[in-house]
Amino acid sequence: MSSIRDFVFGRVLPKAYEDEAAAWAELKNTLAERLRAASEAGTSATPVSQLTEETLKGHGKDKS
């Protein structure tokens, strides 16, 4: 089922609409893969603040 927006963009700006549709599809696939990986990996007991600090140190952006 198409919306009026889809119809208009498809007729008026077909290339831009195709690019947007491709970007949305890529985003959906990326998020679905990350959600699947996260659900398989389980949870971590490490606090978010500690993970953030470790990540920043790894990128040379130490908070201290």
N, C-alpha and C. Protein backbone atom coordinates (compact mmCIF):
# COMPACT_ATOMS: atom_id res chain seq x y z
N MET A 1 0.84 -1.18 0.00
CA MET A 1 0.00 0.00 0.00
C MET A 1 0.89 1.25 0.00
N SER A 2 0.69 2.11 -0.95
CA SER A 2 1.48 3.33 -1.08
C SER A 2 0.71 4.51 -0.50
N SER A 3 1.46 5.44 0.02
CA SER A 3 0.86 6.67 0.51
C SER A 3 0.92 7.73 -0.59
N ILE A 4 0.21 8.82 -0.37
CA ILE A 4 0.28 9.94 -1.31
C ILE A 4 1.70 10.45 -1.39
N ARG A 5 2.39 10.49 -0.25
CA ARG A 5 3.78 10.94 -0.20
C ARG A 5 4.65 10.07 -1.11
N ASP A 6 4.48 8.74 -1.01
CA ASP A 6 5.25 7.83 -1.85
C ASP A 6 4.98 8.08 -3.33
N PHE A 7 3.72 8.28 -3.66
CA PHE A 7 3.34 8.54 -5.05
C PHE A 7 3.98 9.82 -5.57
N VAL A 8 3.85 10.90 -4.80
CA VAL A 8 4.38 12.20 -5.22
C VAL A 8 5.89 12.14 -5.37
N PHE A 9 6.57 11.62 -4.36
CA PHE A 9 8.03 11.54 -4.46
C PHE A 9 8.46 10.64 -5.61
N GLY A 10 7.74 9.57 -5.83
CA GLY A 10 8.06 8.67 -6.94
C GLY A 10 7.91 9.32 -8.29
N ARG A 11 6.94 10.24 -8.42
CA ARG A 11 6.69 10.93 -9.69
C ARG A 11 7.53 12.18 -9.87
N VAL A 12 7.67 12.97 -8.82
CA VAL A 12 8.34 14.27 -8.91
C VAL A 12 9.85 14.14 -8.76
N LEU A 13 10.28 13.37 -7.81
CA LEU A 13 11.71 13.21 -7.52
C LEU A 13 12.08 11.73 -7.46
N PRO A 14 11.98 11.02 -8.56
CA PRO A 14 12.19 9.57 -8.51
C PRO A 14 13.58 9.16 -8.01
N LYS A 15 14.63 9.86 -8.42
CA LYS A 15 15.99 9.49 -7.99
C LYS A 15 16.16 9.73 -6.51
N ALA A 16 15.72 10.89 -6.03
CA ALA A 16 15.85 11.20 -4.60
C ALA A 16 15.03 10.21 -3.78
N TYR A 17 13.86 9.85 -4.27
CA TYR A 17 13.01 8.90 -3.56
C TYR A 17 13.67 7.53 -3.50
N GLU A 18 14.27 7.10 -4.60
CA GLU A 18 14.96 5.81 -4.62
C GLU A 18 16.12 5.80 -3.63
N ASP A 19 16.87 6.91 -3.58
CA ASP A 19 17.98 7.01 -2.63
C ASP A 19 17.47 6.94 -1.20
N GLU A 20 16.37 7.64 -0.92
CA GLU A 20 15.80 7.64 0.43
C GLU A 20 15.29 6.24 0.78
N ALA A 21 14.63 5.60 -0.15
CA ALA A 21 14.11 4.25 0.09
C ALA A 21 15.26 3.28 0.36
N ALA A 22 16.34 3.41 -0.40
CA ALA A 22 17.50 2.55 -0.20
C ALA A 22 18.14 2.80 1.16
N ALA A 23 18.21 4.07 1.55
CA ALA A 23 18.79 4.41 2.85
C ALA A 23 17.94 3.84 3.98
N TRP A 24 16.62 3.95 3.86
CA TRP A 24 15.74 3.38 4.89
C TRP A 24 15.89 1.87 4.97
N ALA A 25 15.96 1.22 3.82
CA ALA A 25 16.11 -0.24 3.79
C ALA A 25 17.43 -0.65 4.45
N GLU A 26 18.50 0.08 4.16
CA GLU A 26 19.80 -0.21 4.76
C GLU A 26 19.76 -0.01 6.27
N LEU A 27 19.12 1.07 6.70
CA LEU A 27 18.99 1.33 8.14
C LEU A 27 18.20 0.22 8.83
N LYS A 28 17.09 -0.18 8.23
CA LYS A 28 16.28 -1.26 8.80
C LYS A 28 17.08 -2.55 8.93
N ASN A 29 17.82 -2.88 7.89
CA ASN A 29 18.63 -4.10 7.92
C ASN A 29 19.72 -4.02 8.98
N THR A 30 20.38 -2.87 9.08
CA THR A 30 21.43 -2.69 10.07
C THR A 30 20.87 -2.82 11.48
N LEU A 31 19.75 -2.15 11.75
CA LEU A 31 19.15 -2.22 13.08
C LEU A 31 18.66 -3.62 13.40
N ALA A 32 18.08 -4.30 12.43
CA ALA A 32 17.61 -5.67 12.66
C ALA A 32 18.79 -6.58 13.01
N GLU A 33 19.90 -6.42 12.31
CA GLU A 33 21.09 -7.23 12.59
C GLU A 33 21.64 -6.93 13.98
N ARG A 34 21.68 -5.66 14.35
CA ARG A 34 22.19 -5.29 15.69
C ARG A 34 21.28 -5.81 16.79
N LEU A 35 19.97 -5.73 16.58
CA LEU A 35 19.03 -6.26 17.57
C LEU A 35 19.19 -7.77 17.72
N ARG A 36 19.35 -8.47 16.59
CA ARG A 36 19.55 -9.91 16.63
C ARG A 36 20.83 -10.26 17.38
N ALA A 37 21.91 -9.55 17.08
CA ALA A 37 23.19 -9.81 17.74
C ALA A 37 23.10 -9.50 19.23
N ALA A 38 22.42 -8.44 19.59
CA ALA A 38 22.29 -8.07 21.00
C ALA A 38 21.46 -9.10 21.75
N SER A 39 20.41 -9.60 21.14
CA SER A 39 19.58 -10.59 21.83
C SER A 39 20.32 -11.90 22.00
N GLU A 40 21.19 -12.24 21.07
CA GLU A 40 21.98 -13.47 21.19
C GLU A 40 23.10 -13.33 22.21
N ALA A 41 23.65 -12.12 22.33
CA ALA A 41 24.79 -11.89 23.22
C ALA A 41 24.37 -11.82 24.69
N GLY A 42 23.14 -11.47 24.95
CA GLY A 42 22.70 -11.36 26.34
C GLY A 42 23.03 -10.00 26.92
N THR A 43 23.02 -9.93 28.25
CA THR A 43 23.26 -8.66 28.91
C THR A 43 24.63 -8.64 29.58
N SER A 44 25.06 -7.44 29.92
CA SER A 44 26.35 -7.26 30.58
C SER A 44 26.11 -6.67 31.96
N ALA A 45 26.94 -7.09 32.93
CA ALA A 45 26.84 -6.54 34.28
C ALA A 45 27.65 -5.25 34.41
N THR A 46 28.38 -4.89 33.37
CA THR A 46 29.22 -3.68 33.40
C THR A 46 28.34 -2.45 33.25
N PRO A 47 28.49 -1.46 34.14
CA PRO A 47 27.69 -0.23 34.02
C PRO A 47 28.01 0.55 32.75
N VAL A 48 27.02 1.24 32.23
CA VAL A 48 27.19 2.03 31.01
C VAL A 48 28.31 3.06 31.17
N SER A 49 28.40 3.66 32.35
CA SER A 49 29.45 4.67 32.58
C SER A 49 30.84 4.07 32.40
N GLN A 50 31.03 2.85 32.88
CA GLN A 50 32.33 2.19 32.73
C GLN A 50 32.60 1.85 31.27
N LEU A 51 31.60 1.36 30.58
CA LEU A 51 31.77 1.05 29.15
C LEU A 51 32.12 2.31 28.37
N THR A 52 31.47 3.43 28.71
CA THR A 52 31.74 4.70 28.04
C THR A 52 33.18 5.14 28.28
N GLU A 53 33.61 5.07 29.53
CA GLU A 53 34.99 5.47 29.86
C GLU A 53 35.99 4.60 29.11
N GLU A 54 35.77 3.30 29.09
CA GLU A 54 36.69 2.39 28.39
C GLU A 54 36.73 2.70 26.89
N THR A 55 35.57 2.99 26.32
CA THR A 55 35.50 3.31 24.90
C THR A 55 36.23 4.61 24.60
N LEU A 56 36.01 5.62 25.44
CA LEU A 56 36.68 6.91 25.22
C LEU A 56 38.19 6.77 25.37
N LYS A 57 38.65 5.99 26.33
CA LYS A 57 40.09 5.76 26.50
C LYS A 57 40.67 5.08 25.27
N GLY A 58 39.91 4.14 24.72
CA GLY A 58 40.35 3.41 23.52
C GLY A 58 40.46 4.31 22.30
N HIS A 59 39.72 5.41 22.31
CA HIS A 59 39.76 6.35 21.19
C HIS A 59 40.61 7.59 21.52
N GLY A 60 41.35 7.54 22.62
CA GLY A 60 42.21 8.65 22.99
C GLY A 60 41.47 9.86 23.49
N LYS A 61 40.27 9.65 24.02
CA LYS A 61 39.45 10.76 24.50
C LYS A 61 39.11 10.55 25.98
N ASP A 62 40.10 10.33 26.76
CA ASP A 62 39.91 10.08 28.19
C ASP A 62 39.21 11.26 28.85
N LYS A 63 38.19 10.97 29.66
CA LYS A 63 37.42 12.03 30.34
C LYS A 63 38.23 12.76 31.40
N SER A 64 39.20 12.09 32.02
CA SER A 64 39.92 12.70 33.16
C SER A 64 40.99 13.67 32.75
